[in-house]
Amino acid sequence: MSSTTSITNMDQSQSTKSYSLLTKGKDCQNFINKAKEQKPLFVLVIGSTETALIPGISAAGQNTEQLKLTPALDADFLLFNTAEFKKELPISPNGIPSPAIISKSMIELLNLDVSVIDTGAFIKPEGNHISLNMGPAKCLSGGKALDPIKSSFLFQKGEKLAASLTSYPYIVVGECVPGGTTTALSVLCALGINAFDLVNSSFPEGNNFWKNQTVKDALLTNAHLFSSIKKNPLKAAEYFGDPMQVFTCGLIKGAQKVHLPIMLAGGSQMLAVYHLAKKNLGYDPYDTIVATTSWITNDKNAKTKKLAELVGAPLISSNIHFKESKQQGLYAYEQGHIKEGVGAGGLLIVADLLKNITQAEIIKEIEKVYSTSQNNL
């Protein structure tokens, strides 16, 4: 039997949406059964790493200075009313808008609560958020991405936050960390997963060469650190990762204690977080899945399903697409641009789980938010 199972909730002739269970189908289905018709909290964890400043590493901004603003802008776009947001959303070097448009659309459509956690971004959001005042991670090449005290603080804050969220049936955790697929690659490799050429990229053609070379150089230069990582897996993120990874890993541990289900909304970055949490806990986190977009799982320059299998993560993919969209900025996702971010894939699946909203309705809402955001400039 194939490990991929498609779930469709209405007749296909009505242009319904669907999602696919790509790995560990039983675990995915158990999560779905608990989340069905339940309204979650959306937690956006933002952060920055100087790794993103390496040329060719990230497409989360047109240039270095804009890239530094991306997490704060994405967060504010979710926190403020769409009509009141007067800034320009982050765009890629090719001019494609942030996936925050998709996330904002689903948040408004489903009337979800949103909590933004700044674990260490270059620029802070203006909207109401929790700031941990940690500052960005250093470049992974030095093997000193996070100070040990900072890493411990982030983990403890994540663990503590989970205990305060038990009024929600489950939480969806998204991220915005430019350069995060590179830190994901480095952490996975540092933990013994050969993830080269498996992780995704916001570039349409992928950027495996730059990522692979950056990570290989860092790991070779700092090979003496592997003995510490073997004793304490969290050291992989401390040496070669970013603040989002450590905080979310703590959040997962805290959620295990209070039996709070978590949907990790993202691609390679959340698979790395899942594996980091798994190694830290010593077991597969229960009631914890990774959810992403079809643009990630169909990425020809990566192998998302294989990566999920290597780390043992339950993976769900939304099958929402923009093939018929008349908005060029959205249709570009079909051409390999952006693909995921800000929890987009997970929130698309939440729309299915919560209200059985059709694909046509979802796309209409996304196009409306897209048009509004463009007209406000």
Protein backbone atom coordinates (compact mmCIF):
# COMPACT_ATOMS: atom_id res chain seq x y z
CA MET A 1 0.00 0.00 0.00
CA SER A 2 1.28 3.48 -0.82
CA SER A 3 2.38 5.66 2.10
CA THR A 4 0.55 8.59 0.52
CA THR A 5 -3.15 8.94 1.30
CA SER A 6 -5.36 11.69 -0.11
CA ILE A 7 -8.22 12.98 1.99
CA THR A 8 -11.03 14.80 0.19
CA ASN A 9 -13.97 16.13 2.16
CA MET A 10 -16.48 17.00 -0.57
CA ASP A 11 -17.30 15.91 -4.10
CA GLN A 12 -14.43 16.65 -6.49
CA SER A 13 -16.85 18.19 -8.99
CA GLN A 14 -17.34 21.04 -6.52
CA SER A 15 -13.64 22.01 -6.86
CA THR A 16 -12.88 20.89 -3.32
CA LYS A 17 -9.55 21.13 -1.62
CA SER A 18 -7.69 18.21 -0.19
CA TYR A 19 -4.61 17.35 1.79
CA SER A 20 -2.29 14.39 1.56
CA LEU A 21 -0.78 12.28 4.31
CA LEU A 22 2.75 11.71 3.04
CA THR A 23 4.51 9.88 5.87
CA LYS A 24 3.41 8.04 9.03
CA GLY A 25 -0.20 8.12 7.91
CA LYS A 26 -1.57 6.64 11.13
CA ASP A 27 0.02 9.37 13.23
CA CYS A 28 -1.22 12.04 10.80
CA GLN A 29 -4.75 10.65 10.91
CA ASN A 30 -4.74 10.51 14.71
CA PHE A 31 -3.78 14.18 14.77
CA ILE A 32 -6.50 15.03 12.23
CA ASN A 33 -9.10 13.25 14.34
CA LYS A 34 -8.19 15.44 17.32
CA ALA A 35 -7.98 18.68 15.31
CA LYS A 36 -11.11 18.25 13.23
CA GLU A 37 -13.59 21.12 13.75
CA GLN A 38 -11.32 22.57 16.46
CA LYS A 39 -10.00 26.15 16.35
CA PRO A 40 -6.28 26.39 17.11
CA LEU A 41 -4.02 29.23 18.15
CA PHE A 42 -1.54 30.33 15.51
CA VAL A 43 1.92 31.02 16.93
CA LEU A 44 4.37 32.78 14.62
CA VAL A 45 7.97 32.43 15.78
CA ILE A 46 10.26 34.95 14.12
CA GLY A 47 14.01 35.25 14.28
CA SER A 48 17.11 36.15 12.31
CA THR A 49 20.51 34.71 11.57
CA GLU A 50 23.55 36.38 10.06
CA THR A 51 23.79 33.28 7.87
CA ALA A 52 21.07 34.88 5.73
CA LEU A 53 23.43 37.73 4.87
CA ILE A 54 25.65 35.40 2.82
CA PRO A 55 24.97 36.24 -0.86
CA GLY A 56 22.76 33.66 -2.57
CA ILE A 57 21.50 32.03 0.64
CA SER A 58 18.04 33.61 1.03
CA ALA A 59 15.33 35.00 -1.24
CA ALA A 60 13.36 36.44 1.68
CA GLY A 61 13.99 40.01 0.57
CA GLN A 62 15.24 41.93 -2.44
CA ASN A 63 18.51 42.85 -0.76
CA THR A 64 20.32 42.50 2.55
CA GLU A 65 18.68 45.47 4.25
CA GLN A 66 15.18 44.41 3.23
CA LEU A 67 15.93 40.85 4.29
CA LYS A 68 16.62 42.12 7.82
CA LEU A 69 13.12 43.64 7.88
CA THR A 70 11.27 40.55 6.61
CA PRO A 71 10.35 38.84 9.92
CA ALA A 72 9.04 42.08 11.45
CA LEU A 73 7.06 43.00 8.33
CA ASP A 74 5.51 39.54 8.03
CA ALA A 75 4.54 39.63 11.70
CA ASP A 76 3.00 43.10 11.46
CA PHE A 77 1.06 42.10 8.36
CA LEU A 78 -0.62 39.41 10.45
CA LEU A 79 -1.08 41.60 13.52
CA PHE A 80 -2.61 44.67 11.84
CA ASN A 81 -5.81 45.01 9.87
CA THR A 82 -5.07 44.44 6.18
CA ALA A 83 -6.48 47.82 5.18
CA GLU A 84 -4.35 49.57 7.83
CA PHE A 85 -1.06 47.95 6.86
CA LYS A 86 0.61 50.67 4.78
CA LYS A 87 4.06 49.18 4.41
CA GLU A 88 5.37 47.10 1.55
CA LEU A 89 5.31 43.38 2.19
CA PRO A 90 8.61 41.53 1.80
CA ILE A 91 9.24 40.40 -1.76
CA SER A 92 11.82 38.10 -3.27
CA PRO A 93 14.59 39.29 -5.63
CA ASN A 94 12.20 38.29 -8.42
CA GLY A 95 9.41 40.47 -6.99
CA ILE A 96 7.22 37.69 -5.59
CA PRO A 97 5.30 38.62 -2.39
CA SER A 98 5.64 37.00 1.02
CA PRO A 99 3.60 33.88 1.90
CA ALA A 100 2.25 35.99 4.77
CA ILE A 101 -0.54 36.83 2.29
CA ILE A 102 -1.69 33.20 2.40
CA SER A 103 -1.42 33.07 6.18
CA LYS A 104 -3.26 36.35 6.69
CA SER A 105 -6.06 35.17 4.42
CA MET A 106 -6.63 32.01 6.44
CA ILE A 107 -6.35 33.82 9.77
CA GLU A 108 -9.07 36.27 8.70
CA LEU A 109 -11.23 33.61 7.06
CA LEU A 110 -11.14 31.39 10.15
CA ASN A 111 -10.96 34.20 12.74
CA LEU A 112 -7.91 32.69 14.43
CA ASP A 113 -6.06 34.10 17.40
CA VAL A 114 -2.44 34.98 16.64
CA SER A 115 0.57 35.16 18.93
CA VAL A 116 3.91 36.44 17.63
CA ILE A 117 7.12 35.50 19.43
CA ASP A 118 10.31 37.39 18.55
CA THR A 119 13.14 35.02 19.42
CA GLY A 120 15.81 37.29 17.99
CA ALA A 121 15.07 39.28 14.84
CA PHE A 122 17.20 42.10 13.45
CA ILE A 123 14.16 44.41 13.63
CA LYS A 124 11.25 44.11 16.07
CA PRO A 125 7.60 44.16 14.91
CA GLU A 126 5.54 47.21 15.76
CA GLY A 127 2.43 45.19 16.58
CA ASN A 128 1.69 43.52 19.92
CA HIS A 129 4.09 40.61 20.38
CA ILE A 130 6.28 38.80 22.88
CA SER A 131 9.90 39.85 22.57
CA LEU A 132 12.59 37.69 24.14
CA ASN A 133 15.22 40.34 23.33
CA MET A 134 17.81 37.80 22.23
CA GLY A 135 19.05 39.36 19.02
CA PRO A 136 19.90 37.45 15.83
CA ALA A 137 22.08 34.35 15.66
CA LYS A 138 25.62 34.66 14.37
CA CYS A 139 26.59 33.05 11.09
CA LEU A 140 26.77 29.27 11.36
CA SER A 141 30.23 29.22 9.75
CA GLY A 142 31.86 30.09 13.08
CA GLY A 143 30.21 27.27 15.03
CA LYS A 144 28.96 29.79 17.59
CA ALA A 145 25.51 30.69 16.29
CA LEU A 146 23.97 31.13 19.75
CA ASP A 147 25.48 31.92 23.10
CA PRO A 148 24.90 28.99 25.54
CA ILE A 149 23.02 31.23 27.96
CA LYS A 150 20.85 32.55 25.13
CA SER A 151 20.14 29.03 23.92
CA SER A 152 19.14 27.85 27.40
CA PHE A 153 16.91 30.89 27.89
CA LEU A 154 15.13 30.36 24.56
CA PHE A 155 14.47 26.71 25.29
CA GLN A 156 13.09 27.43 28.76
CA LYS A 157 10.83 30.20 27.43
CA GLY A 158 9.42 27.85 24.80
CA GLU A 159 8.80 25.14 27.34
CA LYS A 160 7.10 27.60 29.70
CA LEU A 161 4.88 29.06 26.98
CA ALA A 162 3.35 25.68 26.15
CA ALA A 163 1.99 25.34 29.68
CA SER A 164 0.04 28.60 29.24
CA LEU A 165 -1.70 27.55 26.01
CA THR A 166 -3.77 24.61 27.20
CA SER A 167 -7.05 26.49 26.70
CA TYR A 168 -6.58 25.80 22.97
CA PRO A 169 -7.28 22.32 21.56
CA TYR A 170 -4.03 22.52 19.58
CA ILE A 171 -1.57 25.08 18.27
CA VAL A 172 -0.16 25.75 14.81
CA VAL A 173 3.43 26.98 14.88
CA GLY A 174 4.77 28.89 11.87
CA GLU A 175 8.13 30.55 11.38
CA CYS A 176 9.82 33.41 9.61
CA VAL A 177 13.59 33.10 9.62
CA PRO A 178 15.38 34.22 6.43
CA GLY A 179 18.23 31.81 5.78
CA GLY A 180 16.40 29.20 7.85
CA THR A 181 16.66 26.37 5.33
CA THR A 182 20.44 26.68 5.53
CA THR A 183 20.44 26.52 9.32
CA ALA A 184 17.99 23.61 9.01
CA LEU A 185 20.46 21.81 6.76
CA SER A 186 23.34 22.45 9.12
CA VAL A 187 21.45 21.22 12.20
CA LEU A 188 20.20 18.10 10.42
CA CYS A 189 23.71 17.25 9.23
CA ALA A 190 25.19 17.96 12.65
CA LEU A 191 22.69 15.45 14.07
CA GLY A 192 23.73 12.78 11.59
CA ILE A 193 21.13 13.20 8.84
CA ASN A 194 22.58 13.42 5.33
CA ALA A 195 20.24 16.18 4.20
CA PHE A 196 22.33 17.60 1.38
CA ASP A 197 20.12 18.29 -1.67
CA LEU A 198 17.00 17.37 0.33
CA VAL A 199 16.03 20.73 1.86
CA ASN A 200 13.89 23.30 0.11
CA SER A 201 14.63 26.83 -1.05
CA SER A 202 12.60 29.97 -1.71
CA PHE A 203 14.51 30.31 -5.00
CA PRO A 204 12.70 28.71 -7.98
CA GLU A 205 15.87 27.02 -9.20
CA GLY A 206 16.95 26.04 -5.70
CA ASN A 207 20.26 27.08 -4.21
CA ASN A 208 21.65 23.75 -3.09
CA PHE A 209 25.19 24.58 -4.18
CA TRP A 210 25.48 27.62 -1.90
CA LYS A 211 23.75 25.95 1.02
CA ASN A 212 25.72 22.73 0.72
CA GLN A 213 29.06 24.50 0.48
CA THR A 214 28.32 26.84 3.38
CA VAL A 215 27.27 23.98 5.64
CA LYS A 216 30.09 21.61 4.61
CA ASP A 217 32.68 24.28 5.28
CA ALA A 218 31.15 25.06 8.68
CA LEU A 219 30.94 21.43 9.78
CA LEU A 220 34.47 20.60 8.61
CA THR A 221 35.94 23.65 10.29
CA ASN A 222 34.13 22.90 13.54
CA ALA A 223 34.29 19.10 13.55
CA HIS A 224 35.60 19.19 17.13
CA LEU A 225 32.12 20.19 18.30
CA PHE A 226 30.46 16.92 17.29
CA SER A 227 31.34 15.18 20.55
CA SER A 228 29.38 17.82 22.49
CA ILE A 229 26.41 17.47 20.11
CA LYS A 230 26.38 13.72 20.67
CA LYS A 231 26.00 14.30 24.42
CA ASN A 232 23.48 17.13 24.05
CA PRO A 233 21.58 17.34 20.71
CA LEU A 234 20.47 20.93 21.40
CA LYS A 235 24.09 21.93 20.91
CA ALA A 236 23.56 21.37 17.15
CA ALA A 237 21.29 24.42 17.06
CA GLU A 238 23.46 26.32 19.50
CA TYR A 239 26.48 25.87 17.25
CA PHE A 240 24.95 25.88 13.77
CA GLY A 241 21.30 26.91 14.03
CA ASP A 242 18.98 29.82 14.74
CA PRO A 243 16.89 31.02 17.72
CA MET A 244 13.57 29.81 16.28
CA GLN A 245 14.79 26.23 16.33
CA VAL A 246 15.76 26.24 19.99
CA PHE A 247 12.63 28.06 21.15
CA THR A 248 10.28 25.78 19.18
CA CYS A 249 12.10 22.72 20.44
CA GLY A 250 11.40 23.93 23.99
CA LEU A 251 7.79 24.58 23.01
CA ILE A 252 7.46 20.98 21.84
CA LYS A 253 8.91 19.63 25.07
CA GLY A 254 6.51 21.75 27.10
CA ALA A 255 3.59 20.63 24.95
CA GLN A 256 4.46 16.99 25.63
CA LYS A 257 4.12 17.63 29.35
CA VAL A 258 0.65 19.17 29.08
CA HIS A 259 -0.60 16.97 26.20
CA LEU A 260 -1.00 19.88 23.79
CA PRO A 261 -1.03 18.78 20.12
CA ILE A 262 1.24 20.81 17.80
CA MET A 263 1.14 21.31 14.05
CA LEU A 264 4.57 22.49 12.91
CA ALA A 265 3.64 24.55 9.86
CA GLY A 266 6.56 24.62 7.44
CA GLY A 267 8.85 22.53 5.25
CA SER A 268 12.54 21.77 5.77
CA GLN A 269 12.84 24.12 8.73
CA MET A 270 10.10 22.40 10.69
CA LEU A 271 11.41 18.94 9.79
CA ALA A 272 14.72 20.03 11.30
CA VAL A 273 12.92 21.29 14.42
CA TYR A 274 11.01 18.01 14.68
CA HIS A 275 14.23 16.01 14.51
CA LEU A 276 15.96 18.29 17.00
CA ALA A 277 13.07 17.86 19.43
CA LYS A 278 13.05 14.11 18.85
CA LYS A 279 16.76 13.80 19.63
CA ASN A 280 16.37 16.02 22.70
CA LEU A 281 13.37 14.11 24.06
CA GLY A 282 14.71 10.69 23.20
CA TYR A 283 11.43 9.68 21.55
CA ASP A 284 9.10 10.72 18.72
CA PRO A 285 7.00 13.69 19.93
CA TYR A 286 3.42 12.48 20.15
CA ASP A 287 0.52 14.53 18.76
CA THR A 288 3.09 16.49 16.75
CA ILE A 289 3.02 16.68 12.95
CA VAL A 290 4.66 18.74 10.21
CA ALA A 291 2.34 20.39 7.67
CA THR A 292 3.41 22.14 4.49
CA THR A 293 2.40 23.21 0.99
CA SER A 294 2.27 21.26 -2.26
CA TRP A 295 4.88 23.68 -3.64
CA ILE A 296 7.30 22.29 -1.07
CA THR A 297 6.46 18.63 -1.57
CA ASN A 298 6.55 19.02 -5.37
CA ASP A 299 9.85 20.93 -5.32
CA LYS A 300 12.09 19.34 -7.97
CA ASN A 301 15.20 20.69 -6.28
CA ALA A 302 14.50 19.00 -2.95
CA LYS A 303 13.15 15.74 -1.56
CA THR A 304 10.82 16.69 1.26
CA LYS A 305 9.13 13.33 1.66
CA LYS A 306 12.47 11.53 1.82
CA LEU A 307 13.70 14.00 4.42
CA ALA A 308 10.54 13.45 6.49
CA GLU A 309 11.13 9.70 6.32
CA LEU A 310 14.76 10.10 7.38
CA VAL A 311 13.80 12.08 10.48
CA GLY A 312 10.70 9.98 11.17
CA ALA A 313 8.26 12.90 11.04
CA PRO A 314 4.54 12.62 10.23
CA LEU A 315 4.12 14.90 7.19
CA ILE A 316 0.92 16.36 5.72
CA SER A 317 0.77 18.44 2.54
CA SER A 318 -1.93 20.86 1.47
CA ASN A 319 -2.93 20.41 -2.15
CA ILE A 320 -4.11 23.99 -2.65
CA HIS A 321 -2.65 25.48 -5.83
CA PHE A 322 -2.68 28.72 -7.83
CA LYS A 323 -2.70 27.20 -11.32
CA GLU A 324 -5.78 29.18 -12.30
CA SER A 325 -4.96 32.34 -10.37
CA LYS A 326 -4.96 35.54 -12.41
CA GLN A 327 -2.67 37.22 -9.91
CA GLN A 328 0.85 36.87 -11.27
CA GLY A 329 2.37 37.16 -7.80
CA LEU A 330 0.39 34.09 -6.71
CA TYR A 331 0.74 32.12 -9.94
CA ALA A 332 4.51 32.46 -9.48
CA TYR A 333 4.27 29.91 -6.66
CA GLU A 334 3.45 27.34 -9.36
CA GLN A 335 6.76 28.25 -11.01
CA GLY A 336 8.74 27.42 -7.88
CA HIS A 337 8.98 30.83 -6.22
CA ILE A 338 8.76 31.17 -2.41
CA LYS A 339 6.80 27.92 -1.81
CA GLU A 340 6.21 28.22 1.95
CA GLY A 341 6.68 30.35 5.06
CA VAL A 342 4.83 32.10 7.89
CA GLY A 343 2.86 28.89 8.51
CA ALA A 344 1.11 29.05 5.12
CA GLY A 345 0.80 25.33 4.44
CA GLY A 346 -0.42 24.44 7.89
CA LEU A 347 -3.03 27.20 7.89
CA LEU A 348 -4.37 26.02 4.53
CA ILE A 349 -4.88 22.60 6.10
CA VAL A 350 -6.54 24.17 9.14
CA ALA A 351 -9.13 25.70 6.80
CA ASP A 352 -9.97 22.20 5.65
CA LEU A 353 -10.04 20.72 9.15
CA LEU A 354 -12.03 23.51 10.75
CA LYS A 355 -14.67 24.40 8.19
CA ASN A 356 -14.35 22.18 5.09
CA ILE A 357 -13.88 25.30 2.99
CA THR A 358 -13.59 24.63 -0.73
CA GLN A 359 -10.45 25.33 -2.71
CA ALA A 360 -12.29 27.95 -4.75
CA GLU A 361 -13.29 29.82 -1.57
CA ILE A 362 -9.76 29.63 -0.19
CA ILE A 363 -8.19 30.98 -3.37
CA LYS A 364 -10.80 33.74 -3.60
CA GLU A 365 -9.92 34.87 -0.06
CA ILE A 366 -6.18 34.80 -0.78
CA GLU A 367 -6.62 36.82 -3.98
CA LYS A 368 -8.73 39.37 -2.07
CA VAL A 369 -6.04 39.88 0.56
CA TYR A 370 -3.38 39.98 -2.15
CA SER A 371 -5.25 42.70 -4.07
CA THR A 372 -5.88 44.73 -0.92
CA SER A 373 -2.22 44.58 0.09
CA GLN A 374 -1.13 45.74 -3.38
CA ASN A 375 -3.70 48.57 -3.50
CA ASN A 376 -2.63 49.88 -0.10
CA LEU A 377 0.89 50.69 -1.30
